[in-house]
Amino acid sequence: MVCALTENKKAFLALGAEERESFLNANEEISKFGE
């Protein structure tokens, strides 16, 4: 949920591409472990 509430915010979109990708990848991995 933290990711869902973050990914479209201006502050997040202003981050570098690498940081954004790492953040989203971490969220995806958490989803897999959660399942």
ModelCIF file with pLDDT and N, C-alpha, C, O atoms, coordinates in Angstrom:
data_MODEL
#
_entry.id   MODEL 
#
_entity.id                         1 
_entity.type                       polymer 
_entity.pdbx_number_of_molecules   1 
#
_entity_poly.entity_id                      1 
_entity_poly.type                           'polypeptide(L)' 
_entity_poly.nstd_linkage                   no 
_entity_poly.nstd_monomer                   no 
_entity_poly.pdbx_seq_one_letter_code       MVCALTENKKAFLALGAEERESFLNANEEISKFGE 
_entity_poly.pdbx_seq_one_letter_code_can   MVCALTENKKAFLALGAEERESFLNANEEISKFGE 
_entity_poly.pdbx_strand_id                 A 
#
loop_
_entity_poly_seq.entity_id 
_entity_poly_seq.num 
_entity_poly_seq.mon_id 
_entity_poly_seq.hetero 
1 1  MET n 
1 2  VAL n 
1 3  CYS n 
1 4  ALA n 
1 5  LEU n 
1 6  THR n 
1 7  GLU n 
1 8  ASN n 
1 9  LYS n 
1 10 LYS n 
1 11 ALA n 
1 12 PHE n 
1 13 LEU n 
1 14 ALA n 
1 15 LEU n 
1 16 GLY n 
1 17 ALA n 
1 18 GLU n 
1 19 GLU n 
1 20 ARG n 
1 21 GLU n 
1 22 SER n 
1 23 PHE n 
1 24 LEU n 
1 25 ASN n 
1 26 ALA n 
1 27 ASN n 
1 28 GLU n 
1 29 GLU n 
1 30 ILE n 
1 31 SER n 
1 32 LYS n 
1 33 PHE n 
1 34 GLY n 
1 35 GLU n 
#
_struct_asym.id          A 
_struct_asym.entity_id   1 
#
loop_
_ma_qa_metric.id 
_ma_qa_metric.mode 
_ma_qa_metric.name 
_ma_qa_metric.software_group_id 
_ma_qa_metric.type 
1 global pLDDT . pLDDT 
2 local  pLDDT . pLDDT 
#
_ma_qa_metric_global.metric_id      1 
_ma_qa_metric_global.metric_value   95.29 
_ma_qa_metric_global.model_id       1 
_ma_qa_metric_global.ordinal_id     1 
#
loop_
_ma_qa_metric_local.label_asym_id 
_ma_qa_metric_local.label_comp_id 
_ma_qa_metric_local.label_seq_id 
_ma_qa_metric_local.metric_id 
_ma_qa_metric_local.metric_value 
_ma_qa_metric_local.model_id 
_ma_qa_metric_local.ordinal_id 
A MET 1  2 97.00 1 1  
A VAL 2  2 97.00 1 2  
A CYS 3  2 95.00 1 3  
A ALA 4  2 96.00 1 4  
A LEU 5  2 96.00 1 5  
A THR 6  2 96.00 1 6  
A GLU 7  2 94.00 1 7  
A ASN 8  2 93.00 1 8  
A LYS 9  2 94.00 1 9  
A LYS 10 2 93.00 1 10 
A ALA 11 2 92.00 1 11 
A PHE 12 2 93.00 1 12 
A LEU 13 2 95.00 1 13 
A ALA 14 2 95.00 1 14 
A LEU 15 2 94.00 1 15 
A GLY 16 2 95.00 1 16 
A ALA 17 2 95.00 1 17 
A GLU 18 2 94.00 1 18 
A GLU 19 2 94.00 1 19 
A ARG 20 2 95.00 1 20 
A GLU 21 2 95.00 1 21 
A SER 22 2 95.00 1 22 
A PHE 23 2 95.00 1 23 
A LEU 24 2 95.00 1 24 
A ASN 25 2 96.00 1 25 
A ALA 26 2 96.00 1 26 
A ASN 27 2 95.00 1 27 
A GLU 28 2 96.00 1 28 
A GLU 29 2 97.00 1 29 
A ILE 30 2 97.00 1 30 
A SER 31 2 97.00 1 31 
A LYS 32 2 97.00 1 32 
A PHE 33 2 97.00 1 33 
A GLY 34 2 97.00 1 34 
A GLU 35 2 97.00 1 35 
#
loop_
_atom_site.group_PDB 
_atom_site.id 
_atom_site.type_symbol 
_atom_site.label_atom_id 
_atom_site.label_alt_id 
_atom_site.label_comp_id 
_atom_site.label_asym_id 
_atom_site.label_entity_id 
_atom_site.label_seq_id 
_atom_site.pdbx_PDB_ins_code 
_atom_site.Cartn_x 
_atom_site.Cartn_y 
_atom_site.Cartn_z 
_atom_site.occupancy 
_atom_site.B_iso_or_equiv 
_atom_site.pdbx_formal_charge 
_atom_site.auth_seq_id 
_atom_site.auth_comp_id 
_atom_site.auth_asym_id 
_atom_site.auth_atom_id 
_atom_site.pdbx_PDB_model_num 
ATOM 1   N N  . MET A 1 1  ? 0.821  -1.204  0.000   1.00 97.00 ? 1  MET A N  1 
ATOM 2   C CA . MET A 1 1  ? 0.000  0.000   0.000   1.00 97.00 ? 1  MET A CA 1 
ATOM 3   C C  . MET A 1 1  ? 0.860  1.260   0.000   1.00 97.00 ? 1  MET A C  1 
ATOM 4   O O  . MET A 1 1  ? 0.493  2.270   -0.601  1.00 97.00 ? 1  MET A O  1 
ATOM 5   N N  . VAL A 1 2  ? 1.996  1.195   0.672   1.00 97.00 ? 2  VAL A N  1 
ATOM 6   C CA . VAL A 1 2  ? 2.921  2.335   0.672   1.00 97.00 ? 2  VAL A CA 1 
ATOM 7   C C  . VAL A 1 2  ? 3.313  2.678   -0.762  1.00 97.00 ? 2  VAL A C  1 
ATOM 8   O O  . VAL A 1 2  ? 3.348  3.847   -1.146  1.00 97.00 ? 2  VAL A O  1 
ATOM 9   N N  . CYS A 1 3  ? 3.602  1.659   -1.533  1.00 95.00 ? 3  CYS A N  1 
ATOM 10  C CA . CYS A 1 3  ? 3.974  1.881   -2.936  1.00 95.00 ? 3  CYS A CA 1 
ATOM 11  C C  . CYS A 1 3  ? 2.794  2.420   -3.730  1.00 95.00 ? 3  CYS A C  1 
ATOM 12  O O  . CYS A 1 3  ? 2.946  3.354   -4.518  1.00 95.00 ? 3  CYS A O  1 
ATOM 13  N N  . ALA A 1 4  ? 1.620  1.835   -3.526  1.00 96.00 ? 4  ALA A N  1 
ATOM 14  C CA . ALA A 1 4  ? 0.431  2.262   -4.269  1.00 96.00 ? 4  ALA A CA 1 
ATOM 15  C C  . ALA A 1 4  ? 0.111  3.736   -4.010  1.00 96.00 ? 4  ALA A C  1 
ATOM 16  O O  . ALA A 1 4  ? -0.378 4.435   -4.898  1.00 96.00 ? 4  ALA A O  1 
ATOM 17  N N  . LEU A 1 5  ? 0.385  4.201   -2.799  1.00 96.00 ? 5  LEU A N  1 
ATOM 18  C CA . LEU A 1 5  ? 0.109  5.588   -2.436  1.00 96.00 ? 5  LEU A CA 1 
ATOM 19  C C  . LEU A 1 5  ? 1.240  6.539   -2.824  1.00 96.00 ? 5  LEU A C  1 
ATOM 20  O O  . LEU A 1 5  ? 1.122  7.756   -2.684  1.00 96.00 ? 5  LEU A O  1 
ATOM 21  N N  . THR A 1 6  ? 2.337  5.962   -3.314  1.00 96.00 ? 6  THR A N  1 
ATOM 22  C CA . THR A 1 6  ? 3.534  6.759   -3.611  1.00 96.00 ? 6  THR A CA 1 
ATOM 23  C C  . THR A 1 6  ? 3.802  6.916   -5.096  1.00 96.00 ? 6  THR A C  1 
ATOM 24  O O  . THR A 1 6  ? 4.224  7.985   -5.538  1.00 96.00 ? 6  THR A O  1 
ATOM 25  N N  . GLU A 1 7  ? 3.561  5.861   -5.878  1.00 94.00 ? 7  GLU A N  1 
ATOM 26  C CA . GLU A 1 7  ? 4.107  5.781   -7.229  1.00 94.00 ? 7  GLU A CA 1 
ATOM 27  C C  . GLU A 1 7  ? 3.661  6.867   -8.187  1.00 94.00 ? 7  GLU A C  1 
ATOM 28  O O  . GLU A 1 7  ? 4.336  7.108   -9.188  1.00 94.00 ? 7  GLU A O  1 
ATOM 29  N N  . ASN A 1 8  ? 2.546  7.530   -7.917  1.00 93.00 ? 8  ASN A N  1 
ATOM 30  C CA . ASN A 1 8  ? 2.093  8.587   -8.832  1.00 93.00 ? 8  ASN A CA 1 
ATOM 31  C C  . ASN A 1 8  ? 2.233  9.993   -8.242  1.00 93.00 ? 8  ASN A C  1 
ATOM 32  O O  . ASN A 1 8  ? 1.755  10.966  -8.826  1.00 93.00 ? 8  ASN A O  1 
ATOM 33  N N  . LYS A 1 9  ? 2.885  10.094  -7.092  1.00 94.00 ? 9  LYS A N  1 
ATOM 34  C CA . LYS A 1 9  ? 3.074  11.394  -6.460  1.00 94.00 ? 9  LYS A CA 1 
ATOM 35  C C  . LYS A 1 9  ? 4.233  12.160  -7.120  1.00 94.00 ? 9  LYS A C  1 
ATOM 36  O O  . LYS A 1 9  ? 5.191  11.562  -7.611  1.00 94.00 ? 9  LYS A O  1 
ATOM 37  N N  . LYS A 1 10 ? 4.122  13.485  -7.118  1.00 93.00 ? 10 LYS A N  1 
ATOM 38  C CA . LYS A 1 10 ? 5.136  14.322  -7.770  1.00 93.00 ? 10 LYS A CA 1 
ATOM 39  C C  . LYS A 1 10 ? 6.526  14.095  -7.193  1.00 93.00 ? 10 LYS A C  1 
ATOM 40  O O  . LYS A 1 10 ? 7.509  14.020  -7.931  1.00 93.00 ? 10 LYS A O  1 
ATOM 41  N N  . ALA A 1 11 ? 6.602  13.986  -5.870  1.00 92.00 ? 11 ALA A N  1 
ATOM 42  C CA . ALA A 1 11 ? 7.903  13.811  -5.225  1.00 92.00 ? 11 ALA A CA 1 
ATOM 43  C C  . ALA A 1 11 ? 8.571  12.518  -5.687  1.00 92.00 ? 11 ALA A C  1 
ATOM 44  O O  . ALA A 1 11 ? 9.787  12.471  -5.870  1.00 92.00 ? 11 ALA A O  1 
ATOM 45  N N  . PHE A 1 12 ? 7.771  11.470  -5.872  1.00 93.00 ? 12 PHE A N  1 
ATOM 46  C CA . PHE A 1 12 ? 8.327  10.203  -6.322  1.00 93.00 ? 12 PHE A CA 1 
ATOM 47  C C  . PHE A 1 12 ? 8.741  10.286  -7.787  1.00 93.00 ? 12 PHE A C  1 
ATOM 48  O O  . PHE A 1 12 ? 9.806  9.800   -8.165  1.00 93.00 ? 12 PHE A O  1 
ATOM 49  N N  . LEU A 1 13 ? 7.902  10.898  -8.601  1.00 95.00 ? 13 LEU A N  1 
ATOM 50  C CA . LEU A 1 13 ? 8.201  11.009  -10.026 1.00 95.00 ? 13 LEU A CA 1 
ATOM 51  C C  . LEU A 1 13 ? 9.411  11.900  -10.290 1.00 95.00 ? 13 LEU A C  1 
ATOM 52  O O  . LEU A 1 13 ? 10.022 11.832  -11.357 1.00 95.00 ? 13 LEU A O  1 
ATOM 53  N N  . ALA A 1 14 ? 9.750  12.737  -9.306  1.00 95.00 ? 14 ALA A N  1 
ATOM 54  C CA . ALA A 1 14 ? 10.913 13.613  -9.444  1.00 95.00 ? 14 ALA A CA 1 
ATOM 55  C C  . ALA A 1 14 ? 12.217 12.893  -9.114  1.00 95.00 ? 14 ALA A C  1 
ATOM 56  O O  . ALA A 1 14 ? 13.298 13.425  -9.363  1.00 95.00 ? 14 ALA A O  1 
ATOM 57  N N  . LEU A 1 15 ? 12.124 11.696  -8.560  1.00 94.00 ? 15 LEU A N  1 
ATOM 58  C CA . LEU A 1 15 ? 13.325 10.925  -8.257  1.00 94.00 ? 15 LEU A CA 1 
ATOM 59  C C  . LEU A 1 15 ? 13.982 10.425  -9.536  1.00 94.00 ? 15 LEU A C  1 
ATOM 60  O O  . LEU A 1 15 ? 13.373 10.431  -10.606 1.00 94.00 ? 15 LEU A O  1 
ATOM 61  N N  . GLY A 1 16 ? 15.224 9.995   -9.413  1.00 95.00 ? 16 GLY A N  1 
ATOM 62  C CA . GLY A 1 16 ? 15.923 9.439   -10.561 1.00 95.00 ? 16 GLY A CA 1 
ATOM 63  C C  . GLY A 1 16 ? 15.287 8.134   -11.006 1.00 95.00 ? 16 GLY A C  1 
ATOM 64  O O  . GLY A 1 16 ? 14.632 7.448   -10.223 1.00 95.00 ? 16 GLY A O  1 
ATOM 65  N N  . ALA A 1 17 ? 15.489 7.803   -12.269 1.00 95.00 ? 17 ALA A N  1 
ATOM 66  C CA . ALA A 1 17 ? 14.878 6.595   -12.837 1.00 95.00 ? 17 ALA A CA 1 
ATOM 67  C C  . ALA A 1 17 ? 15.314 5.336   -12.098 1.00 95.00 ? 17 ALA A C  1 
ATOM 68  O O  . ALA A 1 17 ? 14.521 4.414   -11.911 1.00 95.00 ? 17 ALA A O  1 
ATOM 69  N N  . GLU A 1 18 ? 16.575 5.301   -11.681 1.00 94.00 ? 18 GLU A N  1 
ATOM 70  C CA . GLU A 1 18 ? 17.097 4.116   -11.001 1.00 94.00 ? 18 GLU A CA 1 
ATOM 71  C C  . GLU A 1 18 ? 16.420 3.916   -9.642  1.00 94.00 ? 18 GLU A C  1 
ATOM 72  O O  . GLU A 1 18 ? 16.071 2.796   -9.268  1.00 94.00 ? 18 GLU A O  1 
ATOM 73  N N  . GLU A 1 19 ? 16.241 5.023   -8.911  1.00 94.00 ? 19 GLU A N  1 
ATOM 74  C CA . GLU A 1 19 ? 15.578 4.929   -7.608  1.00 94.00 ? 19 GLU A CA 1 
ATOM 75  C C  . GLU A 1 19 ? 14.125 4.502   -7.760  1.00 94.00 ? 19 GLU A C  1 
ATOM 76  O O  . GLU A 1 19 ? 13.628 3.677   -6.993  1.00 94.00 ? 19 GLU A O  1 
ATOM 77  N N  . ARG A 1 20 ? 13.448 5.067   -8.753  1.00 95.00 ? 20 ARG A N  1 
ATOM 78  C CA . ARG A 1 20 ? 12.043 4.696   -8.975  1.00 95.00 ? 20 ARG A CA 1 
ATOM 79  C C  . ARG A 1 20 ? 11.917 3.228   -9.328  1.00 95.00 ? 20 ARG A C  1 
ATOM 80  O O  . ARG A 1 20 ? 11.029 2.533   -8.835  1.00 95.00 ? 20 ARG A O  1 
ATOM 81  N N  . GLU A 1 21 ? 12.809 2.761   -10.183 1.00 95.00 ? 21 GLU A N  1 
ATOM 82  C CA . GLU A 1 21 ? 12.760 1.355   -10.606 1.00 95.00 ? 21 GLU A CA 1 
ATOM 83  C C  . GLU A 1 21 ? 13.044 0.420   -9.438  1.00 95.00 ? 21 GLU A C  1 
ATOM 84  O O  . GLU A 1 21 ? 12.382 -0.607  -9.291  1.00 95.00 ? 21 GLU A O  1 
ATOM 85  N N  . SER A 1 22 ? 14.027 0.767   -8.603  1.00 95.00 ? 22 SER A N  1 
ATOM 86  C CA . SER A 1 22 ? 14.363 -0.054  -7.445  1.00 95.00 ? 22 SER A CA 1 
ATOM 87  C C  . SER A 1 22 ? 13.190 -0.107  -6.468  1.00 95.00 ? 22 SER A C  1 
ATOM 88  O O  . SER A 1 22 ? 12.907 -1.155  -5.888  1.00 95.00 ? 22 SER A O  1 
ATOM 89  N N  . PHE A 1 23 ? 12.516 1.016   -6.292  1.00 95.00 ? 23 PHE A N  1 
ATOM 90  C CA . PHE A 1 23 ? 11.365 1.103   -5.398  1.00 95.00 ? 23 PHE A CA 1 
ATOM 91  C C  . PHE A 1 23 ? 10.241 0.191   -5.892  1.00 95.00 ? 23 PHE A C  1 
ATOM 92  O O  . PHE A 1 23 ? 9.653  -0.568  -5.122  1.00 95.00 ? 23 PHE A O  1 
ATOM 93  N N  . LEU A 1 24 ? 9.961  0.282   -7.175  1.00 95.00 ? 24 LEU A N  1 
ATOM 94  C CA . LEU A 1 24 ? 8.880  -0.527  -7.745  1.00 95.00 ? 24 LEU A CA 1 
ATOM 95  C C  . LEU A 1 24 ? 9.239  -2.007  -7.766  1.00 95.00 ? 24 LEU A C  1 
ATOM 96  O O  . LEU A 1 24 ? 8.372  -2.860  -7.573  1.00 95.00 ? 24 LEU A O  1 
ATOM 97  N N  . ASN A 1 25 ? 10.508 -2.314  -7.998  1.00 96.00 ? 25 ASN A N  1 
ATOM 98  C CA . ASN A 1 25 ? 10.947 -3.713  -7.971  1.00 96.00 ? 25 ASN A CA 1 
ATOM 99  C C  . ASN A 1 25 ? 10.819 -4.298  -6.564  1.00 96.00 ? 25 ASN A C  1 
ATOM 100 O O  . ASN A 1 25 ? 10.414 -5.447  -6.392  1.00 96.00 ? 25 ASN A O  1 
ATOM 101 N N  . ALA A 1 26 ? 11.171 -3.492  -5.565  1.00 96.00 ? 26 ALA A N  1 
ATOM 102 C CA . ALA A 1 26 ? 11.046 -3.939  -4.180  1.00 96.00 ? 26 ALA A CA 1 
ATOM 103 C C  . ALA A 1 26 ? 9.586  -4.244  -3.858  1.00 96.00 ? 26 ALA A C  1 
ATOM 104 O O  . ALA A 1 26 ? 9.280  -5.233  -3.193  1.00 96.00 ? 26 ALA A O  1 
ATOM 105 N N  . ASN A 1 27 ? 8.700  -3.394  -4.333  1.00 95.00 ? 27 ASN A N  1 
ATOM 106 C CA . ASN A 1 27 ? 7.273  -3.603  -4.103  1.00 95.00 ? 27 ASN A CA 1 
ATOM 107 C C  . ASN A 1 27 ? 6.789  -4.895  -4.766  1.00 95.00 ? 27 ASN A C  1 
ATOM 108 O O  . ASN A 1 27 ? 6.005  -5.647  -4.187  1.00 95.00 ? 27 ASN A O  1 
ATOM 109 N N  . GLU A 1 28 ? 7.261  -5.134  -5.973  1.00 96.00 ? 28 GLU A N  1 
ATOM 110 C CA . GLU A 1 28 ? 6.865  -6.350  -6.697  1.00 96.00 ? 28 GLU A CA 1 
ATOM 111 C C  . GLU A 1 28 ? 7.356  -7.604  -5.979  1.00 96.00 ? 28 GLU A C  1 
ATOM 112 O O  . GLU A 1 28 ? 6.646  -8.607  -5.905  1.00 96.00 ? 28 GLU A O  1 
ATOM 113 N N  . GLU A 1 29 ? 8.570  -7.536  -5.455  1.00 97.00 ? 29 GLU A N  1 
ATOM 114 C CA . GLU A 1 29 ? 9.122  -8.676  -4.730  1.00 97.00 ? 29 GLU A CA 1 
ATOM 115 C C  . GLU A 1 29 ? 8.355  -8.918  -3.428  1.00 97.00 ? 29 GLU A C  1 
ATOM 116 O O  . GLU A 1 29 ? 8.111  -10.064 -3.049  1.00 97.00 ? 29 GLU A O  1 
ATOM 117 N N  . ILE A 1 30 ? 7.980  -7.842  -2.753  1.00 97.00 ? 30 ILE A N  1 
ATOM 118 C CA . ILE A 1 30 ? 7.183  -7.978  -1.529  1.00 97.00 ? 30 ILE A CA 1 
ATOM 119 C C  . ILE A 1 30 ? 5.850  -8.652  -1.840  1.00 97.00 ? 30 ILE A C  1 
ATOM 120 O O  . ILE A 1 30 ? 5.368  -9.474  -1.061  1.00 97.00 ? 30 ILE A O  1 
ATOM 121 N N  . SER A 1 31 ? 5.260  -8.303  -2.975  1.00 97.00 ? 31 SER A N  1 
ATOM 122 C CA . SER A 1 31 ? 3.994  -8.935  -3.379  1.00 97.00 ? 31 SER A CA 1 
ATOM 123 C C  . SER A 1 31 ? 4.153  -10.443 -3.519  1.00 97.00 ? 31 SER A C  1 
ATOM 124 O O  . SER A 1 31 ? 3.293  -11.207 -3.080  1.00 97.00 ? 31 SER A O  1 
ATOM 125 N N  . LYS A 1 32 ? 5.248  -10.867 -4.128  1.00 97.00 ? 32 LYS A N  1 
ATOM 126 C CA . LYS A 1 32 ? 5.489  -12.300 -4.329  1.00 97.00 ? 32 LYS A CA 1 
ATOM 127 C C  . LYS A 1 32 ? 5.665  -13.021 -2.999  1.00 97.00 ? 32 LYS A C  1 
ATOM 128 O O  . LYS A 1 32 ? 5.104  -14.097 -2.791  1.00 97.00 ? 32 LYS A O  1 
ATOM 129 N N  . PHE A 1 33 ? 6.443  -12.426 -2.102  1.00 97.00 ? 33 PHE A N  1 
ATOM 130 C CA . PHE A 1 33 ? 6.634  -13.056 -0.793  1.00 97.00 ? 33 PHE A CA 1 
ATOM 131 C C  . PHE A 1 33 ? 5.334  -13.038 0.001   1.00 97.00 ? 33 PHE A C  1 
ATOM 132 O O  . PHE A 1 33 ? 5.034  -13.983 0.731   1.00 97.00 ? 33 PHE A O  1 
ATOM 133 N N  . GLY A 1 34 ? 4.568  -11.970 -0.141  1.00 97.00 ? 34 GLY A N  1 
ATOM 134 C CA . GLY A 1 34 ? 3.285  -11.892 0.552   1.00 97.00 ? 34 GLY A CA 1 
ATOM 135 C C  . GLY A 1 34 ? 2.323  -12.980 0.109   1.00 97.00 ? 34 GLY A C  1 
ATOM 136 O O  . GLY A 1 34 ? 1.594  -13.543 0.926   1.00 97.00 ? 34 GLY A O  1 
ATOM 137 N N  . GLU A 1 35 ? 2.319  -13.274 -1.174  1.00 97.00 ? 35 GLU A N  1 
ATOM 138 C CA . GLU A 1 35 ? 1.450  -14.336 -1.698  1.00 97.00 ? 35 GLU A CA 1 
ATOM 139 C C  . GLU A 1 35 ? 1.852  -15.704 -1.140  1.00 97.00 ? 35 GLU A C  1 
ATOM 140 O O  . GLU A 1 35 ? 1.231  -16.714 -1.471  1.00 97.00 ? 35 GLU A O  1 
#
